[in-house]
PDB file of N, CA and C in Angstrom:
ATOM      1  N   THR A   1      11.758  27.091 -16.573  1.00  0.00           N
ATOM      2  CA  THR A   1      11.811  28.241 -15.700  1.00  0.00           C
ATOM      3  C   THR A   1      13.176  28.907 -15.730  1.00  0.00           C
ATOM      4  N   GLY A   2      14.220  28.138 -16.012  1.00  0.00           N
ATOM      5  CA  GLY A   2      15.553  28.726 -16.079  1.00  0.00           C
ATOM      6  C   GLY A   2      15.660  29.776 -17.167  1.00  0.00           C
ATOM      7  N   GLY A   3      14.945  29.567 -18.278  1.00  0.00           N
ATOM      8  CA  GLY A   3      14.988  30.547 -19.361  1.00  0.00           C
ATOM      9  C   GLY A   3      14.409  31.887 -18.952  1.00  0.00           C
ATOM     10  N   ILE A   4      13.351  31.860 -18.172  1.00  0.00           N
ATOM     11  CA  ILE A   4      12.742  33.108 -17.696  1.00  0.00           C
ATOM     12  C   ILE A   4      13.715  33.846 -16.782  1.00  0.00           C
ATOM     13  N   HIS A   5      14.405  33.109 -15.929  1.00  0.00           N
ATOM     14  CA  HIS A   5      15.362  33.740 -15.021  1.00  0.00           C
ATOM     15  C   HIS A   5      16.538  34.328 -15.793  1.00  0.00           C
ATOM     16  N   LEU A   6      17.002  33.621 -16.811  1.00  0.00           N
ATOM     17  CA  LEU A   6      18.099  34.155 -17.625  1.00  0.00           C
ATOM     18  C   LEU A   6      17.640  35.385 -18.399  1.00  0.00           C
ATOM     19  N   ASP A   7      16.396  35.387 -18.849  1.00  0.00           N
ATOM     20  CA  ASP A   7      15.854  36.561 -19.532  1.00  0.00           C
ATOM     21  C   ASP A   7      15.824  37.756 -18.582  1.00  0.00           C
ATOM     22  N   GLY A   8      15.413  37.523 -17.347  1.00  0.00           N
ATOM     23  CA  GLY A   8      15.397  38.593 -16.353  1.00  0.00           C
ATOM     24  C   GLY A   8      16.794  39.105 -16.048  1.00  0.00           C
ATOM     25  N   LEU A   9      17.771  38.199 -16.001  1.00  0.00           N
ATOM     26  CA  LEU A   9      19.154  38.613 -15.771  1.00  0.00           C
ATOM     27  C   LEU A   9      19.650  39.463 -16.935  1.00  0.00           C
ATOM     28  N   ALA A  10      19.335  39.052 -18.161  1.00  0.00           N
ATOM     29  CA  ALA A  10      19.726  39.846 -19.333  1.00  0.00           C
ATOM     30  C   ALA A  10      19.066  41.224 -19.284  1.00  0.00           C
ATOM     31  N   ASP A  11      17.809  41.286 -18.877  1.00  0.00           N
ATOM     32  CA  ASP A  11      17.130  42.581 -18.732  1.00  0.00           C
ATOM     33  C   ASP A  11      17.845  43.463 -17.714  1.00  0.00           C
ATOM     34  N   CYS A  12      18.293  42.855 -16.614  1.00  0.00           N
ATOM     35  CA  CYS A  12      19.036  43.631 -15.597  1.00  0.00           C
ATOM     36  C   CYS A  12      20.325  44.193 -16.173  1.00  0.00           C
ATOM     37  N   PHE A  13      21.048  43.385 -16.937  1.00  0.00           N
ATOM     38  CA  PHE A  13      22.282  43.878 -17.564  1.00  0.00           C
ATOM     39  C   PHE A  13      21.973  45.008 -18.538  1.00  0.00           C
ATOM     40  N   ASP A  14      20.911  44.858 -19.311  1.00  0.00           N
ATOM     41  CA  ASP A  14      20.515  45.930 -20.230  1.00  0.00           C
ATOM     42  C   ASP A  14      20.154  47.197 -19.461  1.00  0.00           C
ATOM     43  N   GLY A  15      19.476  47.034 -18.333  1.00  0.00           N
ATOM     44  CA  GLY A  15      19.042  48.179 -17.550  1.00  0.00           C
ATOM     45  C   GLY A  15      20.177  48.962 -16.911  1.00  0.00           C
ATOM     46  N   LEU A  16      21.350  48.371 -16.819  1.00  0.00           N
ATOM     47  CA  LEU A  16      22.486  49.067 -16.206  1.00  0.00           C
ATOM     48  C   LEU A  16      22.875  50.337 -16.953  1.00  0.00           C
ATOM     49  N   VAL A  17      22.524  50.427 -18.230  1.00  0.00           N
ATOM     50  CA  VAL A  17      22.942  51.590 -19.026  1.00  0.00           C
ATOM     51  C   VAL A  17      21.890  52.698 -19.052  1.00  0.00           C
ATOM     52  N   GLY A  18      20.806  52.529 -18.305  1.00  0.00           N
ATOM     53  CA  GLY A  18      19.757  53.553 -18.288  1.00  0.00           C
ATOM     54  C   GLY A  18      20.202  54.818 -17.578  1.00  0.00           C
ATOM     55  N   ARG A  19      19.679  55.942 -18.047  1.00  0.00           N
ATOM     56  CA  ARG A  19      20.047  57.246 -17.473  1.00  0.00           C
ATOM     57  C   ARG A  19      19.509  57.430 -16.062  1.00  0.00           C
ATOM     58  N   ASP A  20      18.260  57.044 -15.860  1.00  0.00           N
ATOM     59  CA  ASP A  20      17.621  57.203 -14.558  1.00  0.00           C
ATOM     60  C   ASP A  20      16.714  55.997 -14.331  1.00  0.00           C
ATOM     61  N   ALA A  21      16.058  55.947 -13.182  1.00  0.00           N
ATOM     62  CA  ALA A  21      15.245  54.783 -12.829  1.00  0.00           C
ATOM     63  C   ALA A  21      14.139  54.522 -13.850  1.00  0.00           C
ATOM     64  N   GLU A  22      13.482  55.567 -14.310  1.00  0.00           N
ATOM     65  CA  GLU A  22      12.391  55.398 -15.277  1.00  0.00           C
ATOM     66  C   GLU A  22      12.909  54.827 -16.596  1.00  0.00           C
ATOM     67  N   HIS A  23      14.042  55.330 -17.057  1.00  0.00           N
ATOM     68  CA  HIS A  23      14.637  54.842 -18.307  1.00  0.00           C
ATOM     69  C   HIS A  23      15.102  53.393 -18.150  1.00  0.00           C
ATOM     70  N   ARG A  24      15.688  53.049 -16.997  1.00  0.00           N
ATOM     71  CA  ARG A  24      16.138  51.673 -16.755  1.00  0.00           C
ATOM     72  C   ARG A  24      14.954  50.709 -16.782  1.00  0.00           C
ATOM     73  N   LEU A  25      13.848  51.097 -16.152  1.00  0.00           N
ATOM     74  CA  LEU A  25      12.666  50.231 -16.156  1.00  0.00           C
ATOM     75  C   LEU A  25      12.102  50.065 -17.561  1.00  0.00           C
ATOM     76  N   ALA A  26      12.119  51.134 -18.355  1.00  0.00           N
ATOM     77  CA  ALA A  26      11.643  51.038 -19.743  1.00  0.00           C
ATOM     78  C   ALA A  26      12.532  50.094 -20.546  1.00  0.00           C
ATOM     79  N   ILE A  27      13.831  50.177 -20.342  1.00  0.00           N
ATOM     80  CA  ILE A  27      14.761  49.279 -21.039  1.00  0.00           C
ATOM     81  C   ILE A  27      14.481  47.835 -20.641  1.00  0.00           C
ATOM     82  N   MET A  28      14.280  47.598 -19.359  1.00  0.00           N
ATOM     83  CA  MET A  28      14.070  46.227 -18.890  1.00  0.00           C
ATOM     84  C   MET A  28      12.718  45.663 -19.317  1.00  0.00           C
ATOM     85  N   ARG A  29      11.729  46.518 -19.573  1.00  0.00           N
ATOM     86  CA  ARG A  29      10.424  46.047 -20.055  1.00  0.00           C
ATOM     87  C   ARG A  29      10.452  45.684 -21.536  1.00  0.00           C
ATOM     88  N   ASP A  30      11.437  46.178 -22.260  1.00  0.00           N
ATOM     89  CA  ASP A  30      11.553  45.887 -23.691  1.00  0.00           C
ATOM     90  C   ASP A  30      11.793  44.387 -23.876  1.00  0.00           C
ATOM     91  N   SER A  31      11.038  43.759 -24.760  1.00  0.00           N
ATOM     92  CA  SER A  31      11.144  42.312 -24.947  1.00  0.00           C
ATOM     93  C   SER A  31      12.400  41.893 -25.702  1.00  0.00           C
ATOM     94  N   ARG A  32      13.061  42.833 -26.340  1.00  0.00           N
ATOM     95  CA  ARG A  32      14.277  42.491 -27.091  1.00  0.00           C
ATOM     96  C   ARG A  32      15.502  42.550 -26.186  1.00  0.00           C
ATOM     97  N   ILE A  33      16.486  41.716 -26.499  1.00  0.00           N
ATOM     98  CA  ILE A  33      17.726  41.737 -25.731  1.00  0.00           C
ATOM     99  C   ILE A  33      18.665  42.761 -26.351  1.00  0.00           C
ATOM    100  N   GLY A  34      19.323  43.524 -25.503  1.00  0.00           N
ATOM    101  CA  GLY A  34      20.276  44.521 -25.968  1.00  0.00           C
ATOM    102  C   GLY A  34      21.697  43.991 -25.902  1.00  0.00           C
ATOM    103  N   ALA A  35      22.634  44.817 -26.310  1.00  0.00           N
ATOM    104  CA  ALA A  35      24.041  44.417 -26.329  1.00  0.00           C
ATOM    105  C   ALA A  35      24.541  44.090 -24.926  1.00  0.00           C
ATOM    106  N   PHE A  36      24.203  44.931 -23.945  1.00  0.00           N
ATOM    107  CA  PHE A  36      24.673  44.674 -22.583  1.00  0.00           C
ATOM    108  C   PHE A  36      24.029  43.414 -22.014  1.00  0.00           C
ATOM    109  N   GLY A  37      22.788  43.154 -22.370  1.00  0.00           N
ATOM    110  CA  GLY A  37      22.125  41.933 -21.926  1.00  0.00           C
ATOM    111  C   GLY A  37      22.784  40.699 -22.502  1.00  0.00           C
ATOM    112  N   ALA A  38      23.093  40.730 -23.796  1.00  0.00           N
ATOM    113  CA  ALA A  38      23.728  39.582 -24.444  1.00  0.00           C
ATOM    114  C   ALA A  38      25.130  39.342 -23.892  1.00  0.00           C
ATOM    115  N   ILE A  39      25.913  40.400 -23.777  1.00  0.00           N
ATOM    116  CA  ILE A  39      27.281  40.263 -23.264  1.00  0.00           C
ATOM    117  C   ILE A  39      27.258  39.790 -21.812  1.00  0.00           C
ATOM    118  N   GLY A  40      26.400  40.397 -21.001  1.00  0.00           N
ATOM    119  CA  GLY A  40      26.304  40.004 -19.597  1.00  0.00           C
ATOM    120  C   GLY A  40      25.864  38.566 -19.431  1.00  0.00           C
ATOM    121  N   LEU A  41      24.908  38.129 -20.242  1.00  0.00           N
ATOM    122  CA  LEU A  41      24.414  36.761 -20.163  1.00  0.00           C
ATOM    123  C   LEU A  41      25.495  35.762 -20.562  1.00  0.00           C
ATOM    124  N   ILE A  42      26.215  36.048 -21.631  1.00  0.00           N
ATOM    125  CA  ILE A  42      27.303  35.163 -22.066  1.00  0.00           C
ATOM    126  C   ILE A  42      28.373  35.072 -20.982  1.00  0.00           C
ATOM    127  N   LEU A  43      28.765  36.210 -20.424  1.00  0.00           N
ATOM    128  CA  LEU A  43      29.784  36.203 -19.370  1.00  0.00           C
ATOM    129  C   LEU A  43      29.299  35.459 -18.127  1.00  0.00           C
ATOM    130  N   PHE A  44      28.034  35.646 -17.766  1.00  0.00           N
ATOM    131  CA  PHE A  44      27.481  34.939 -16.611  1.00  0.00           C
ATOM    132  C   PHE A  44      27.523  33.430 -16.826  1.00  0.00           C
ATOM    133  N   LEU A  45      27.073  32.968 -17.998  1.00  0.00           N
ATOM    134  CA  LEU A  45      27.050  31.530 -18.262  1.00  0.00           C
ATOM    135  C   LEU A  45      28.458  30.947 -18.307  1.00  0.00           C
ATOM    136  N   LEU A  46      29.400  31.677 -18.897  1.00  0.00           N
ATOM    137  CA  LEU A  46      30.791  31.211 -18.912  1.00  0.00           C
ATOM    138  C   LEU A  46      31.359  31.142 -17.495  1.00  0.00           C
ATOM    139  N   LEU A  47      31.064  32.139 -16.687  1.00  0.00           N
ATOM    140  CA  LEU A  47      31.528  32.139 -15.298  1.00  0.00           C
ATOM    141  C   LEU A  47      30.912  30.984 -14.512  1.00  0.00           C
ATOM    142  N   GLU A  48      29.639  30.733 -14.742  1.00  0.00           N
ATOM    143  CA  GLU A  48      28.960  29.635 -14.057  1.00  0.00           C
ATOM    144  C   GLU A  48      29.583  28.289 -14.431  1.00  0.00           C
ATOM    145  N   ILE A  49      29.828  28.082 -15.714  1.00  0.00           N
ATOM    146  CA  ILE A  49      30.446  26.842 -16.182  1.00  0.00           C
ATOM    147  C   ILE A  49      31.853  26.702 -15.610  1.00  0.00           C
ATOM    148  N   ALA A  50      32.625  27.780 -15.640  1.00  0.00           N
ATOM    149  CA  ALA A  50      33.992  27.737 -15.116  1.00  0.00           C
ATOM    150  C   ALA A  50      33.999  27.451 -13.616  1.00  0.00           C
ATOM    151  N   ALA A  51      33.078  28.052 -12.881  1.00  0.00           N
ATOM    152  CA  ALA A  51      33.030  27.840 -11.430  1.00  0.00           C
ATOM    153  C   ALA A  51      32.697  26.389 -11.100  1.00  0.00           C
ATOM    154  N   VAL A  52      31.729  25.817 -11.793  1.00  0.00           N
ATOM    155  CA  VAL A  52      31.359  24.422 -11.547  1.00  0.00           C
ATOM    156  C   VAL A  52      32.494  23.493 -11.968  1.00  0.00           C
ATOM    157  N   ALA A  53      33.162  23.808 -13.066  1.00  0.00           N
ATOM    158  CA  ALA A  53      34.269  22.972 -13.541  1.00  0.00           C
ATOM    159  C   ALA A  53      35.443  22.978 -12.563  1.00  0.00           C
ATOM    160  N   GLU A  54      35.619  24.061 -11.821  1.00  0.00           N
ATOM    161  CA  GLU A  54      36.727  24.162 -10.865  1.00  0.00           C
ATOM    162  C   GLU A  54      36.490  23.345  -9.600  1.00  0.00           C
ATOM    163  N   LEU A  55      35.249  22.991  -9.331  1.00  0.00           N
ATOM    164  CA  LEU A  55      34.952  22.195  -8.144  1.00  0.00           C
ATOM    165  C   LEU A  55      35.429  20.767  -8.349  1.00  0.00           C
ATOM    166  N   GLY A  56      35.875  20.153  -7.286  1.00  0.00           N
ATOM    167  CA  GLY A  56      36.250  18.745  -7.367  1.00  0.00           C
ATOM    168  C   GLY A  56      35.021  17.890  -7.579  1.00  0.00           C
ATOM    169  N   PRO A  57      35.202  16.667  -8.077  1.00  0.00           N
ATOM    170  CA  PRO A  57      34.047  15.800  -8.360  1.00  0.00           C
ATOM    171  C   PRO A  57      33.147  15.566  -7.149  1.00  0.00           C
ATOM    172  N   ALA A  58      33.724  15.432  -5.963  1.00  0.00           N
ATOM    173  CA  ALA A  58      32.913  15.173  -4.771  1.00  0.00           C
ATOM    174  C   ALA A  58      32.069  16.386  -4.395  1.00  0.00           C
ATOM    175  N   LEU A  59      32.614  17.571  -4.584  1.00  0.00           N
ATOM    176  CA  LEU A  59      31.894  18.787  -4.213  1.00  0.00           C
ATOM    177  C   LEU A  59      30.945  19.251  -5.317  1.00  0.00           C
ATOM    178  N   ARG A  60      31.255  18.921  -6.562  1.00  0.00           N
ATOM    179  CA  ARG A  60      30.468  19.405  -7.701  1.00  0.00           C
ATOM    180  C   ARG A  60      29.005  18.999  -7.596  1.00  0.00           C
ATOM    181  N   TRP A  61      28.730  17.724  -7.364  1.00  0.00           N
ATOM    182  CA  TRP A  61      27.332  17.282  -7.318  1.00  0.00           C
ATOM    183  C   TRP A  61      26.612  17.882  -6.130  1.00  0.00           C
ATOM    184  N   ARG A  62      27.316  18.067  -5.003  1.00  0.00           N
ATOM    185  CA  ARG A  62      26.672  18.663  -3.837  1.00  0.00           C
ATOM    186  C   ARG A  62      26.338  20.132  -4.085  1.00  0.00           C
ATOM    187  N   ALA A  63      27.234  20.836  -4.750  1.00  0.00           N
ATOM    188  CA  ALA A  63      26.966  22.246  -5.070  1.00  0.00           C
ATOM    189  C   ALA A  63      25.781  22.367  -6.025  1.00  0.00           C
ATOM    190  N   LEU A  64      25.701  21.459  -6.986  1.00  0.00           N
ATOM    191  CA  LEU A  64      24.584  21.492  -7.934  1.00  0.00           C
ATOM    192  C   LEU A  64      23.259  21.138  -7.260  1.00  0.00           C
ATOM    193  N   LEU A  65      23.297  20.365  -6.188  1.00  0.00           N
ATOM    194  CA  LEU A  65      22.083  20.086  -5.412  1.00  0.00           C
ATOM    195  C   LEU A  65      21.714  21.263  -4.516  1.00  0.00           C
ATOM    196  N   ALA A  66      22.710  21.916  -3.943  1.00  0.00           N
ATOM    197  CA  ALA A  66      22.449  23.014  -3.006  1.00  0.00           C
ATOM    198  C   ALA A  66      21.976  24.280  -3.709  1.00  0.00           C
ATOM    199  N   ALA A  67      22.465  24.533  -4.902  1.00  0.00           N
ATOM    200  CA  ALA A  67      22.183  25.798  -5.590  1.00  0.00           C
ATOM    201  C   ALA A  67      20.686  26.089  -5.748  1.00  0.00           C
ATOM    202  N   PRO A  68      19.876  25.160  -6.254  1.00  0.00           N
ATOM    203  CA  PRO A  68      18.453  25.500  -6.399  1.00  0.00           C
ATOM    204  C   PRO A  68      17.734  25.651  -5.061  1.00  0.00           C
ATOM    205  N   VAL A  69      18.159  24.905  -4.051  1.00  0.00           N
ATOM    206  CA  VAL A  69      17.535  25.038  -2.730  1.00  0.00           C
ATOM    207  C   VAL A  69      17.829  26.423  -2.164  1.00  0.00           C
ATOM    208  N   ILE A  70      19.081  26.825  -2.234  1.00  0.00           N
ATOM    209  CA  ILE A  70      19.470  28.147  -1.736  1.00  0.00           C
ATOM    210  C   ILE A  70      18.787  29.236  -2.559  1.00  0.00           C
ATOM    211  N   GLY A  71      18.714  29.033  -3.876  1.00  0.00           N
ATOM    212  CA  GLY A  71      18.076  30.007  -4.752  1.00  0.00           C
ATOM    213  C   GLY A  71      16.598  30.196  -4.473  1.00  0.00           C
ATOM    214  N   ARG A  72      15.933  29.159  -4.005  1.00  0.00           N
ATOM    215  CA  ARG A  72      14.506  29.269  -3.702  1.00  0.00           C
ATOM    216  C   ARG A  72      14.252  29.714  -2.263  1.00  0.00           C
ATOM    217  N   ALA A  73      15.258  29.612  -1.415  1.00  0.00           N
ATOM    218  CA  ALA A  73      15.081  29.974  -0.011  1.00  0.00           C
ATOM    219  C   ALA A  73      15.396  31.439   0.266  1.00  0.00           C
ATOM    220  N   THR A  74      16.054  32.123  -0.645  1.00  0.00           N
ATOM    221  CA  THR A  74      16.521  33.483  -0.365  1.00  0.00           C
ATOM    222  C   THR A  74      15.667  34.636  -0.903  1.00  0.00           C
ATOM    223  N   PRO A  75      14.694  34.449  -1.789  1.00  0.00           N
ATOM    224  CA  PRO A  75      13.948  35.612  -2.295  1.00  0.00           C
ATOM    225  C   PRO A  75      13.257  36.445  -1.220  1.00  0.00           C
ATOM    226  N   ALA A  76      12.775  35.816  -0.167  1.00  0.00           N
ATOM    227  CA  ALA A  76      12.117  36.590   0.896  1.00  0.00           C
ATOM    228  C   ALA A  76      13.106  37.538   1.560  1.00  0.00           C
ATOM    229  N   LEU A  77      14.321  37.071   1.779  1.00  0.00           N
ATOM    230  CA  LEU A  77      15.346  37.921   2.382  1.00  0.00           C
ATOM    231  C   LEU A  77      15.702  39.080   1.454  1.00  0.00           C
ATOM    232  N   VAL A  78      15.865  38.781   0.178  1.00  0.00           N
ATOM    233  CA  VAL A  78      16.202  39.820  -0.802  1.00  0.00           C
ATOM    234  C   VAL A  78      15.069  40.843  -0.901  1.00  0.00           C
ATOM    235  N   ALA A  79      13.828  40.370  -0.902  1.00  0.00           N
ATOM    236  CA  ALA A  79      12.683  41.286  -0.989  1.00  0.00           C
ATOM    237  C   ALA A  79      12.603  42.200   0.227  1.00  0.00           C
ATOM    238  N   ARG A  80      13.005  41.698   1.376  1.00  0.00           N
ATOM    239  CA  ARG A  80      12.962  42.515   2.591  1.00  0.00           C
ATOM    240  C   ARG A  80      14.115  43.522   2.622  1.00  0.00           C
ATOM    241  N   LEU A  81      15.269  43.161   2.058  1.00  0.00           N
ATOM    242  CA  LEU A  81      16.447  44.029   2.114  1.00  0.00           C
ATOM    243  C   LEU A  81      16.441  45.139   1.068  1.00  0.00           C
ATOM    244  N   PHE A  82      15.825  44.878  -0.097  1.00  0.00           N
ATOM    245  CA  PHE A  82      15.883  45.835  -1.196  1.00  0.00           C
ATOM    246  C   PHE A  82      14.480  46.283  -1.592  1.00  0.00           C
ATOM    247  N   PRO A  83      14.319  47.549  -1.950  1.00  0.00           N
ATOM    248  CA  PRO A  83      12.994  48.028  -2.359  1.00  0.00           C
ATOM    249  C   PRO A  83      12.610  47.486  -3.737  1.00  0.00           C
ATOM    250  N   ALA A  84      11.319  47.405  -3.972  1.00  0.00           N
ATOM    251  CA  ALA A  84      10.824  46.976  -5.279  1.00  0.00           C
ATOM    252  C   ALA A  84      11.107  48.056  -6.314  1.00  0.00           C
ATOM    253  N   ALA A  85      11.323  47.645  -7.544  1.00  0.00           N
ATOM    254  CA  ALA A  85      11.620  48.600  -8.614  1.00  0.00           C
ATOM    255  C   ALA A  85      10.415  49.486  -8.922  1.00  0.00           C
ATOM    256  N   ARG A  86       9.219  48.887  -8.902  1.00  0.00           N
ATOM    257  CA  ARG A  86       7.991  49.640  -9.175  1.00  0.00           C
ATOM    258  C   ARG A  86       7.007  49.426  -8.034  1.00  0.00           C
ATOM    259  N   ALA A  87       6.353  50.478  -7.625  1.00  0.00           N
ATOM    260  CA  ALA A  87       5.402  50.388  -6.512  1.00  0.00           C
ATOM    261  C   ALA A  87       4.221  49.478  -6.840  1.00  0.00           C
ATOM    262  N   ALA A  88       3.863  49.368  -8.114  1.00  0.00           N
ATOM    263  CA  ALA A  88       2.716  48.547  -8.509  1.00  0.00           C
ATOM    264  C   ALA A  88       3.148  47.230  -9.147  1.00  0.00           C
ATOM    265  N   GLY A  89       4.408  46.867  -9.039  1.00  0.00           N
ATOM    266  CA  GLY A  89       4.911  45.664  -9.688  1.00  0.00           C
ATOM    267  C   GLY A  89       4.761  44.412  -8.839  1.00  0.00           C
ATOM    268  N   ALA A  90       5.147  43.289  -9.428  1.00  0.00           N
ATOM    269  CA  ALA A  90       5.053  41.999  -8.742  1.00  0.00           C
ATOM    270  C   ALA A  90       5.969  41.952  -7.522  1.00  0.00           C
ATOM    271  N   GLY A  91       7.126  42.594  -7.606  1.00  0.00           N
ATOM    272  CA  GLY A  91       8.041  42.616  -6.468  1.00  0.00           C
ATOM    273  C   GLY A  91       7.446  43.316  -5.265  1.00  0.00           C
ATOM    274  N   ALA A  92       6.748  44.413  -5.505  1.00  0.00           N
ATOM    275  CA  ALA A  92       6.106  45.143  -4.411  1.00  0.00           C
ATOM    276  C   ALA A  92       4.986  44.310  -3.795  1.00  0.00           C
ATOM    277  N   ALA A  93       4.223  43.613  -4.629  1.00  0.00           N
ATOM    278  CA  ALA A  93       3.145  42.761  -4.118  1.00  0.00           C
ATOM    279  C   ALA A  93       3.719  41.603  -3.304  1.00  0.00           C
ATOM    280  N   PHE A  94       4.808  41.016  -3.790  1.00  0.00           N
ATOM    281  CA  PHE A  94       5.469  39.928  -3.066  1.00  0.00           C
ATOM    282  C   PHE A  94       5.973  40.420  -1.716  1.00  0.00           C
ATOM    283  N   ARG A  95       6.601  41.574  -1.728  1.00  0.00           N
ATOM    284  CA  ARG A  95       7.161  42.148  -0.497  1.00  0.00           C
ATOM    285  C   ARG A  95       6.053  42.469   0.513  1.00  0.00           C
ATOM    286  N   ALA A  96       4.951  43.014   0.038  1.00  0.00           N
ATOM    287  CA  ALA A  96       3.851  43.376   0.934  1.00  0.00           C
ATOM    288  C   ALA A  96       3.199  42.148   1.567  1.00  0.00           C
ATOM    289  N   ALA A  97       3.205  41.021   0.857  1.00  0.00           N
ATOM    290  CA  ALA A  97       2.558  39.809   1.358  1.00  0.00           C
ATOM    291  C   ALA A  97       3.469  38.956   2.241  1.00  0.00           C
ATOM    292  N   LEU A  98       4.729  39.352   2.396  1.00  0.00           N
ATOM    293  CA  LEU A  98       5.668  38.555   3.195  1.00  0.00           C
ATOM    294  C   LEU A  98       5.293  38.564   4.672  1.00  0.00           C
ATOM    295  N   PRO A  99       5.162  37.393   5.271  1.00  0.00           N
ATOM    296  CA  PRO A  99       4.987  37.361   6.726  1.00  0.00           C
ATOM    297  C   PRO A  99       6.271  37.859   7.402  1.00  0.00           C
ATOM    298  N   PRO A 100       6.181  38.387   8.605  1.00  0.00           N
ATOM    299  CA  PRO A 100       7.363  38.960   9.262  1.00  0.00           C
ATOM    300  C   PRO A 100       8.545  37.999   9.390  1.00  0.00           C
ATOM    301  N   GLY A 101       8.305  36.732   9.623  1.00  0.00           N
ATOM    302  CA  GLY A 101       9.403  35.785   9.821  1.00  0.00           C
ATOM    303  C   GLY A 101       9.936  35.142   8.561  1.00  0.00           C
ATOM    304  N   ALA A 102       9.356  35.456   7.403  1.00  0.00           N
ATOM    305  CA  ALA A 102       9.753  34.790   6.163  1.00  0.00           C
ATOM    306  C   ALA A 102      11.224  35.001   5.798  1.00  0.00           C
ATOM    307  N   PRO A 103      11.774  36.210   5.900  1.00  0.00           N
ATOM    308  CA  PRO A 103      13.193  36.372   5.559  1.00  0.00           C
ATOM    309  C   PRO A 103      14.116  35.541   6.447  1.00  0.00           C
ATOM    310  N   ALA A 104      13.843  35.495   7.737  1.00  0.00           N
ATOM    311  CA  ALA A 104      14.674  34.697   8.642  1.00  0.00           C
ATOM    312  C   ALA A 104      14.537  33.211   8.334  1.00  0.00           C
ATOM    313  N   LEU A 105      13.324  32.772   8.029  1.00  0.00           N
ATOM    314  CA  LEU A 105      13.105  31.373   7.673  1.00  0.00           C
ATOM    315  C   LEU A 105      13.844  31.032   6.382  1.00  0.00           C
ATOM    316  N   GLY A 106      13.758  31.910   5.382  1.00  0.00           N
ATOM    317  CA  GLY A 106      14.469  31.682   4.123  1.00  0.00           C
ATOM    318  C   GLY A 106      15.966  31.605   4.321  1.00  0.00           C
ATOM    319  N   LEU A 107      16.510  32.510   5.114  1.00  0.00           N
ATOM    320  CA  LEU A 107      17.943  32.490   5.391  1.00  0.00           C
ATOM    321  C   LEU A 107      18.325  31.216   6.136  1.00  0.00           C
ATOM    322  N   GLY A 108      17.504  30.826   7.096  1.00  0.00           N
ATOM    323  CA  GLY A 108      17.772  29.588   7.833  1.00  0.00           C
ATOM    324  C   GLY A 108      17.760  28.368   6.936  1.00  0.00           C
ATOM    325  N   LEU A 109      16.786  28.297   6.022  1.00  0.00           N
ATOM    326  CA  LEU A 109      16.728  27.171   5.086  1.00  0.00           C
ATOM    327  C   LEU A 109      17.929  27.161   4.149  1.00  0.00           C
ATOM    328  N   ALA A 110      18.338  28.335   3.680  1.00  0.00           N
ATOM    329  CA  ALA A 110      19.502  28.415   2.794  1.00  0.00           C
ATOM    330  C   ALA A 110      20.758  27.955   3.516  1.00  0.00           C
ATOM    331  N   LEU A 111      20.932  28.393   4.757  1.00  0.00           N
ATOM    332  CA  LEU A 111      22.109  27.977   5.526  1.00  0.00           C
ATOM    333  C   LEU A 111      22.069  26.484   5.838  1.00  0.00           C
ATOM    334  N   ALA A 112      20.884  25.970   6.159  1.00  0.00           N
ATOM    335  CA  ALA A 112      20.751  24.539   6.431  1.00  0.00           C
ATOM    336  C   ALA A 112      21.049  23.716   5.182  1.00  0.00           C
ATOM    337  N   ALA A 113      20.570  24.175   4.027  1.00  0.00           N
ATOM    338  CA  ALA A 113      20.846  23.465   2.774  1.00  0.00           C
ATOM    339  C   ALA A 113      22.335  23.472   2.473  1.00  0.00           C
ATOM    340  N   ALA A 114      22.974  24.614   2.681  1.00  0.00           N
ATOM    341  CA  ALA A 114      24.417  24.695   2.445  1.00  0.00           C
ATOM    342  C   ALA A 114      25.164  23.771   3.393  1.00  0.00           C
ATOM    343  N   ALA A 115      24.777  23.773   4.655  1.00  0.00           N
ATOM    344  CA  ALA A 115      25.453  22.930   5.637  1.00  0.00           C
ATOM    345  C   ALA A 115      25.250  21.450   5.336  1.00  0.00           C
ATOM    346  N   ALA A 116      24.022  21.085   4.963  1.00  0.00           N
ATOM    347  CA  ALA A 116      23.716  19.678   4.725  1.00  0.00           C
ATOM    348  C   ALA A 116      24.377  19.137   3.462  1.00  0.00           C
ATOM    349  N   THR A 117      24.387  19.913   2.413  1.00  0.00           N
ATOM    350  CA  THR A 117      24.904  19.392   1.146  1.00  0.00           C
ATOM    351  C   THR A 117      26.372  19.696   0.915  1.00  0.00           C
ATOM    352  N   LEU A 118      26.835  20.811   1.443  1.00  0.00           N
ATOM    353  CA  LEU A 118      28.221  21.201   1.187  1.00  0.00           C
ATOM    354  C   LEU A 118      29.144  20.882   2.353  1.00  0.00           C
ATOM    355  N   GLY A 119      28.581  20.510   3.477  1.00  0.00           N
ATOM    356  CA  GLY A 119      29.402  20.208   4.637  1.00  0.00           C
ATOM    357  C   GLY A 119      30.025  21.442   5.254  1.00  0.00           C
ATOM    358  N   VAL A 120      29.335  22.571   5.131  1.00  0.00           N
ATOM    359  CA  VAL A 120      29.853  23.835   5.673  1.00  0.00           C
ATOM    360  C   VAL A 120      29.618  23.890   7.162  1.00  0.00           C
TER     361      VAL A 120
END
């Protein structure tokens, strides 16, 4: 599943160079990776490695445990805060199906995970 997420991130980087919303969506639908996608992905992975390497040994394992929990707890909040790219896309369907309390629950779970694993 990580590969799909990295592919989506590369698509987002590629889409940054689009002239308008329609052009950006067309770029992101293209199955090939562009120059901005490749450069952005390499920089993201290097930054991720550097950030984890900077953590002390005691905090490193806790951060690696907290990251996927926080990452899975926040999509409802993000979907509520930002509009979907396409009215007929998966993001719009996800947003429409969100129960009213889902964003608050997701934020609460993310904060609880951070507090429990990172000692925040």
